[in-house]
């Protein structure tokens, strides 16, 4: 993903704005774009400041559909541990002691499934694999520790229009 974003930024000299909580300065969306900006030595990047506490900003989740649920269930069983944070595929749970640990474990299971030619597609509506819900407080807690969830852990929805058109960078 980093290479694709970097190539697009270099070719167009434009970047889609990062989304940042104006109360905490926490980056909500745009981690790859931020990493590209740092690697290119950019002094400034476009950013949209939002009030994450407002009800107009919602945090949702990405469900997953799996092309071979049987293999996915076997991997989930093998990679589970005790914990209150659990993802479910049918009657099989994969749990972790924290949301951060569970979502990274789920990410690596998905990556391994891809090496077995098992497709995992993230979808908005109910899917076969359901991760736990995260609250805004969960997201902020992880970010304050300097940690980053895997890509597509959360799905932020805004009751206002977000400018997704790339902005010129200098």
C-alpha atoms as a PDB file:
ATOM      1  CA  UNK A   1       0.000   0.000   0.000  1.00  0.00           C
ATOM      2  CA  UNK A   2       2.836   2.416   0.879  1.00  0.00           C
ATOM      3  CA  UNK A   3       4.466   2.020  -2.555  1.00  0.00           C
ATOM      4  CA  UNK A   4       1.159   2.620  -4.347  1.00  0.00           C
ATOM      5  CA  UNK A   5       0.455   5.795  -2.333  1.00  0.00           C
ATOM      6  CA  UNK A   6       4.019   7.032  -2.815  1.00  0.00           C
ATOM      7  CA  UNK A   7       3.846   6.483  -6.578  1.00  0.00           C
ATOM      8  CA  UNK A   8       0.535   8.371  -6.811  1.00  0.00           C
ATOM      9  CA  UNK A   9       1.827  11.306  -4.752  1.00  0.00           C
ATOM     10  CA  UNK A  10       5.063  11.560  -6.768  1.00  0.00           C
ATOM     11  CA  UNK A  11       3.220  11.375 -10.092  1.00  0.00           C
ATOM     12  CA  UNK A  12       0.524  13.928  -9.253  1.00  0.00           C
ATOM     13  CA  UNK A  13       2.203  16.084  -6.576  1.00  0.00           C
ATOM     14  CA  UNK A  14      -1.189  15.921  -4.872  1.00  0.00           C
ATOM     15  CA  UNK A  15      -2.402  14.226  -1.678  1.00  0.00           C
ATOM     16  CA  UNK A  16      -5.780  13.434  -0.173  1.00  0.00           C
ATOM     17  CA  UNK A  17      -6.043  15.248   3.189  1.00  0.00           C
ATOM     18  CA  UNK A  18      -5.267  13.394   6.416  1.00  0.00           C
ATOM     19  CA  UNK A  19      -8.113  13.348   8.941  1.00  0.00           C
ATOM     20  CA  UNK A  20      -7.054  14.476  12.427  1.00  0.00           C
ATOM     21  CA  UNK A  21      -8.973  14.937  15.676  1.00  0.00           C
ATOM     22  CA  UNK A  22      -8.581  18.586  16.579  1.00  0.00           C
ATOM     23  CA  UNK A  23      -8.902  17.923  20.335  1.00  0.00           C
ATOM     24  CA  UNK A  24      -6.146  15.305  20.641  1.00  0.00           C
ATOM     25  CA  UNK A  25      -4.141  15.754  17.391  1.00  0.00           C
ATOM     26  CA  UNK A  26      -4.583  12.017  16.807  1.00  0.00           C
ATOM     27  CA  UNK A  27      -4.454  10.830  13.209  1.00  0.00           C
ATOM     28  CA  UNK A  28      -7.750   9.106  12.395  1.00  0.00           C
ATOM     29  CA  UNK A  29      -7.249   8.397   8.708  1.00  0.00           C
ATOM     30  CA  UNK A  30      -4.232   8.668   6.428  1.00  0.00           C
ATOM     31  CA  UNK A  31      -1.472   6.672   8.102  1.00  0.00           C
ATOM     32  CA  UNK A  32      -0.021   5.572   4.741  1.00  0.00           C
ATOM     33  CA  UNK A  33      -0.173   9.125   3.382  1.00  0.00           C
ATOM     34  CA  UNK A  34       1.577  10.407   6.509  1.00  0.00           C
ATOM     35  CA  UNK A  35       4.337   7.798   6.154  1.00  0.00           C
ATOM     36  CA  UNK A  36       4.797   8.771   2.490  1.00  0.00           C
ATOM     37  CA  UNK A  37       4.972  12.469   3.405  1.00  0.00           C
ATOM     38  CA  UNK A  38       7.663  11.739   5.994  1.00  0.00           C
ATOM     39  CA  UNK A  39       9.681   9.579   3.580  1.00  0.00           C
ATOM     40  CA  UNK A  40       9.502  12.321   0.923  1.00  0.00           C
ATOM     41  CA  UNK A  41      10.528  14.976   3.439  1.00  0.00           C
ATOM     42  CA  UNK A  42       7.383  17.029   2.967  1.00  0.00           C
ATOM     43  CA  UNK A  43       7.136  19.912   5.422  1.00  0.00           C
ATOM     44  CA  UNK A  44       3.387  20.306   5.085  1.00  0.00           C
ATOM     45  CA  UNK A  45       0.515  18.045   4.083  1.00  0.00           C
ATOM     46  CA  UNK A  46      -3.187  18.748   3.720  1.00  0.00           C
ATOM     47  CA  UNK A  47      -5.254  17.821   6.759  1.00  0.00           C
ATOM     48  CA  UNK A  48      -8.883  18.029   7.754  1.00  0.00           C
ATOM     49  CA  UNK A  49      -9.499  18.650  11.450  1.00  0.00           C
ATOM     50  CA  UNK A  50     -12.630  17.061  12.933  1.00  0.00           C
ATOM     51  CA  UNK A  51     -14.065  16.874  16.427  1.00  0.00           C
ATOM     52  CA  UNK A  52     -13.957  13.127  17.065  1.00  0.00           C
ATOM     53  CA  UNK A  53     -16.174  13.506  20.155  1.00  0.00           C
ATOM     54  CA  UNK A  54     -19.071  14.869  18.106  1.00  0.00           C
ATOM     55  CA  UNK A  55     -21.980  12.579  17.290  1.00  0.00           C
ATOM     56  CA  UNK A  56     -21.520  13.513  13.611  1.00  0.00           C
ATOM     57  CA  UNK A  57     -18.428  11.267  13.584  1.00  0.00           C
ATOM     58  CA  UNK A  58     -19.198   7.574  13.981  1.00  0.00           C
ATOM     59  CA  UNK A  59     -16.908   4.567  14.223  1.00  0.00           C
ATOM     60  CA  UNK A  60     -18.031   1.345  12.589  1.00  0.00           C
ATOM     61  CA  UNK A  61     -16.407  -1.910  11.598  1.00  0.00           C
ATOM     62  CA  UNK A  62     -15.489  -3.869   8.502  1.00  0.00           C
ATOM     63  CA  UNK A  63     -16.999  -7.341   8.274  1.00  0.00           C
ATOM     64  CA  UNK A  64     -15.224  -9.979   6.202  1.00  0.00           C
ATOM     65  CA  UNK A  65     -16.392 -12.505   3.650  1.00  0.00           C
ATOM     66  CA  UNK A  66     -14.064 -15.466   3.238  1.00  0.00           C
ATOM     67  CA  UNK A  67     -13.853 -17.643   0.120  1.00  0.00           C
ATOM     68  CA  UNK A  68     -12.938 -20.740   2.177  1.00  0.00           C
ATOM     69  CA  UNK A  69     -14.465 -20.405   5.671  1.00  0.00           C
ATOM     70  CA  UNK A  70     -13.324 -23.897   6.706  1.00  0.00           C
ATOM     71  CA  UNK A  71      -9.622 -23.011   6.344  1.00  0.00           C
ATOM     72  CA  UNK A  72     -10.235 -19.640   8.017  1.00  0.00           C
ATOM     73  CA  UNK A  73     -11.907 -21.311  11.005  1.00  0.00           C
ATOM     74  CA  UNK A  74      -8.930 -23.680  11.410  1.00  0.00           C
ATOM     75  CA  UNK A  75      -6.495 -20.752  11.427  1.00  0.00           C
ATOM     76  CA  UNK A  76      -8.654 -18.789  13.841  1.00  0.00           C
ATOM     77  CA  UNK A  77      -8.773 -21.733  16.255  1.00  0.00           C
ATOM     78  CA  UNK A  78      -4.985 -22.134  16.035  1.00  0.00           C
ATOM     79  CA  UNK A  79      -4.337 -18.413  16.681  1.00  0.00           C
ATOM     80  CA  UNK A  80      -6.813 -17.768  19.461  1.00  0.00           C
ATOM     81  CA  UNK A  81      -6.031 -17.113  23.082  1.00  0.00           C
ATOM     82  CA  UNK A  82      -8.016 -16.043  26.100  1.00  0.00           C
ATOM     83  CA  UNK A  83      -9.406 -12.556  26.151  1.00  0.00           C
ATOM     84  CA  UNK A  84     -12.526 -10.465  26.060  1.00  0.00           C
ATOM     85  CA  UNK A  85     -11.911  -9.195  22.508  1.00  0.00           C
ATOM     86  CA  UNK A  86     -13.175 -11.776  20.000  1.00  0.00           C
ATOM     87  CA  UNK A  87     -13.821 -12.061  16.273  1.00  0.00           C
ATOM     88  CA  UNK A  88     -16.378 -14.655  15.184  1.00  0.00           C
ATOM     89  CA  UNK A  89     -16.693 -16.831  12.102  1.00  0.00           C
ATOM     90  CA  UNK A  90     -19.783 -18.955  12.600  1.00  0.00           C
ATOM     91  CA  UNK A  91     -19.346 -20.661  15.974  1.00  0.00           C
ATOM     92  CA  UNK A  92     -15.554 -20.238  16.006  1.00  0.00           C
ATOM     93  CA  UNK A  93     -14.032 -17.385  17.976  1.00  0.00           C
ATOM     94  CA  UNK A  94     -10.535 -15.967  17.848  1.00  0.00           C
ATOM     95  CA  UNK A  95      -9.851 -13.897  20.952  1.00  0.00           C
ATOM     96  CA  UNK A  96      -7.133 -11.661  22.292  1.00  0.00           C
ATOM     97  CA  UNK A  97      -6.384  -9.866  25.528  1.00  0.00           C
ATOM     98  CA  UNK A  98      -6.793  -6.434  23.901  1.00  0.00           C
ATOM     99  CA  UNK A  99      -8.434  -4.983  20.811  1.00  0.00           C
ATOM    100  CA  UNK A 100      -4.988  -4.088  19.483  1.00  0.00           C
ATOM    101  CA  UNK A 101      -3.669  -7.652  19.831  1.00  0.00           C
ATOM    102  CA  UNK A 102      -6.826  -9.198  18.362  1.00  0.00           C
ATOM    103  CA  UNK A 103      -6.942  -6.949  15.297  1.00  0.00           C
ATOM    104  CA  UNK A 104      -3.254  -7.510  14.497  1.00  0.00           C
ATOM    105  CA  UNK A 105      -3.741 -11.262  14.947  1.00  0.00           C
ATOM    106  CA  UNK A 106      -6.743 -11.110  12.617  1.00  0.00           C
ATOM    107  CA  UNK A 107      -4.695  -9.095  10.101  1.00  0.00           C
ATOM    108  CA  UNK A 108      -1.936 -11.724  10.011  1.00  0.00           C
ATOM    109  CA  UNK A 109      -4.457 -14.560   9.696  1.00  0.00           C
ATOM    110  CA  UNK A 110      -5.958 -12.706   6.704  1.00  0.00           C
ATOM    111  CA  UNK A 111      -2.489 -12.227   5.174  1.00  0.00           C
ATOM    112  CA  UNK A 112      -1.704 -15.927   5.642  1.00  0.00           C
ATOM    113  CA  UNK A 113      -5.042 -16.897   4.096  1.00  0.00           C
ATOM    114  CA  UNK A 114      -4.079 -14.891   1.002  1.00  0.00           C
ATOM    115  CA  UNK A 115      -0.933 -17.042   0.613  1.00  0.00           C
ATOM    116  CA  UNK A 116      -3.288 -20.042   0.494  1.00  0.00           C
ATOM    117  CA  UNK A 117      -5.361 -18.351  -2.242  1.00  0.00           C
ATOM    118  CA  UNK A 118      -8.224 -17.808   0.202  1.00  0.00           C
ATOM    119  CA  UNK A 119      -9.806 -14.428  -0.506  1.00  0.00           C
ATOM    120  CA  UNK A 120     -10.875 -12.196   2.371  1.00  0.00           C
ATOM    121  CA  UNK A 121     -13.050  -9.269   1.321  1.00  0.00           C
ATOM    122  CA  UNK A 122     -13.933  -6.511   3.769  1.00  0.00           C
ATOM    123  CA  UNK A 123     -17.554  -5.401   3.502  1.00  0.00           C
ATOM    124  CA  UNK A 124     -19.742  -2.783   5.171  1.00  0.00           C
ATOM    125  CA  UNK A 125     -22.786  -4.954   5.768  1.00  0.00           C
ATOM    126  CA  UNK A 126     -22.899  -8.187   7.713  1.00  0.00           C
ATOM    127  CA  UNK A 127     -20.269 -10.645   6.559  1.00  0.00           C
ATOM    128  CA  UNK A 128     -19.319 -14.165   7.550  1.00  0.00           C
ATOM    129  CA  UNK A 129     -16.556 -13.011   9.886  1.00  0.00           C
ATOM    130  CA  UNK A 130     -17.542 -10.414  12.462  1.00  0.00           C
ATOM    131  CA  UNK A 131     -14.888  -8.496  14.385  1.00  0.00           C
ATOM    132  CA  UNK A 132     -15.749  -6.832  17.698  1.00  0.00           C
ATOM    133  CA  UNK A 133     -17.035  -3.264  17.722  1.00  0.00           C
ATOM    134  CA  UNK A 134     -14.651  -0.530  18.799  1.00  0.00           C
ATOM    135  CA  UNK A 135     -15.687   2.670  20.537  1.00  0.00           C
ATOM    136  CA  UNK A 136     -14.079   6.044  19.922  1.00  0.00           C
ATOM    137  CA  UNK A 137     -12.477   5.684  23.355  1.00  0.00           C
ATOM    138  CA  UNK A 138     -10.898   2.370  22.262  1.00  0.00           C
ATOM    139  CA  UNK A 139      -9.440   4.030  19.156  1.00  0.00           C
ATOM    140  CA  UNK A 140      -8.089   7.004  21.134  1.00  0.00           C
ATOM    141  CA  UNK A 141      -6.632   4.734  23.836  1.00  0.00           C
ATOM    142  CA  UNK A 142      -4.609   2.750  21.289  1.00  0.00           C
ATOM    143  CA  UNK A 143      -3.464   5.908  19.465  1.00  0.00           C
ATOM    144  CA  UNK A 144      -2.353   7.595  22.711  1.00  0.00           C
ATOM    145  CA  UNK A 145       0.000   4.673  23.288  1.00  0.00           C
ATOM    146  CA  UNK A 146       1.626   5.448  19.935  1.00  0.00           C
ATOM    147  CA  UNK A 147       0.179   2.283  18.389  1.00  0.00           C
ATOM    148  CA  UNK A 148      -1.640   1.924  15.079  1.00  0.00           C
ATOM    149  CA  UNK A 149      -4.345  -0.588  14.243  1.00  0.00           C
ATOM    150  CA  UNK A 150      -3.970  -2.565  11.004  1.00  0.00           C
ATOM    151  CA  UNK A 151      -5.506  -1.038   7.868  1.00  0.00           C
ATOM    152  CA  UNK A 152      -9.307  -1.177   7.686  1.00  0.00           C
ATOM    153  CA  UNK A 153      -9.785  -1.952  11.382  1.00  0.00           C
ATOM    154  CA  UNK A 154     -12.268   0.871  11.806  1.00  0.00           C
ATOM    155  CA  UNK A 155     -14.716   2.403   9.399  1.00  0.00           C
ATOM    156  CA  UNK A 156     -15.309   6.050  10.192  1.00  0.00           C
ATOM    157  CA  UNK A 157     -18.551   7.544   8.946  1.00  0.00           C
ATOM    158  CA  UNK A 158     -19.213  11.272   8.940  1.00  0.00           C
ATOM    159  CA  UNK A 159     -22.557  13.099   8.866  1.00  0.00           C
ATOM    160  CA  UNK A 160     -20.820  15.795   6.819  1.00  0.00           C
ATOM    161  CA  UNK A 161     -18.964  15.768   3.520  1.00  0.00           C
ATOM    162  CA  UNK A 162     -15.293  14.822   3.641  1.00  0.00           C
ATOM    163  CA  UNK A 163     -13.147  16.272   0.866  1.00  0.00           C
ATOM    164  CA  UNK A 164     -11.490  13.236  -0.772  1.00  0.00           C
ATOM    165  CA  UNK A 165     -10.095  15.092  -3.772  1.00  0.00           C
ATOM    166  CA  UNK A 166      -6.297  15.268  -3.680  1.00  0.00           C
ATOM    167  CA  UNK A 167      -4.860  18.683  -2.838  1.00  0.00           C
ATOM    168  CA  UNK A 168      -1.629  20.070  -4.395  1.00  0.00           C
ATOM    169  CA  UNK A 169       1.436  19.664  -2.168  1.00  0.00           C
ATOM    170  CA  UNK A 170       4.657  21.669  -2.208  1.00  0.00           C
END
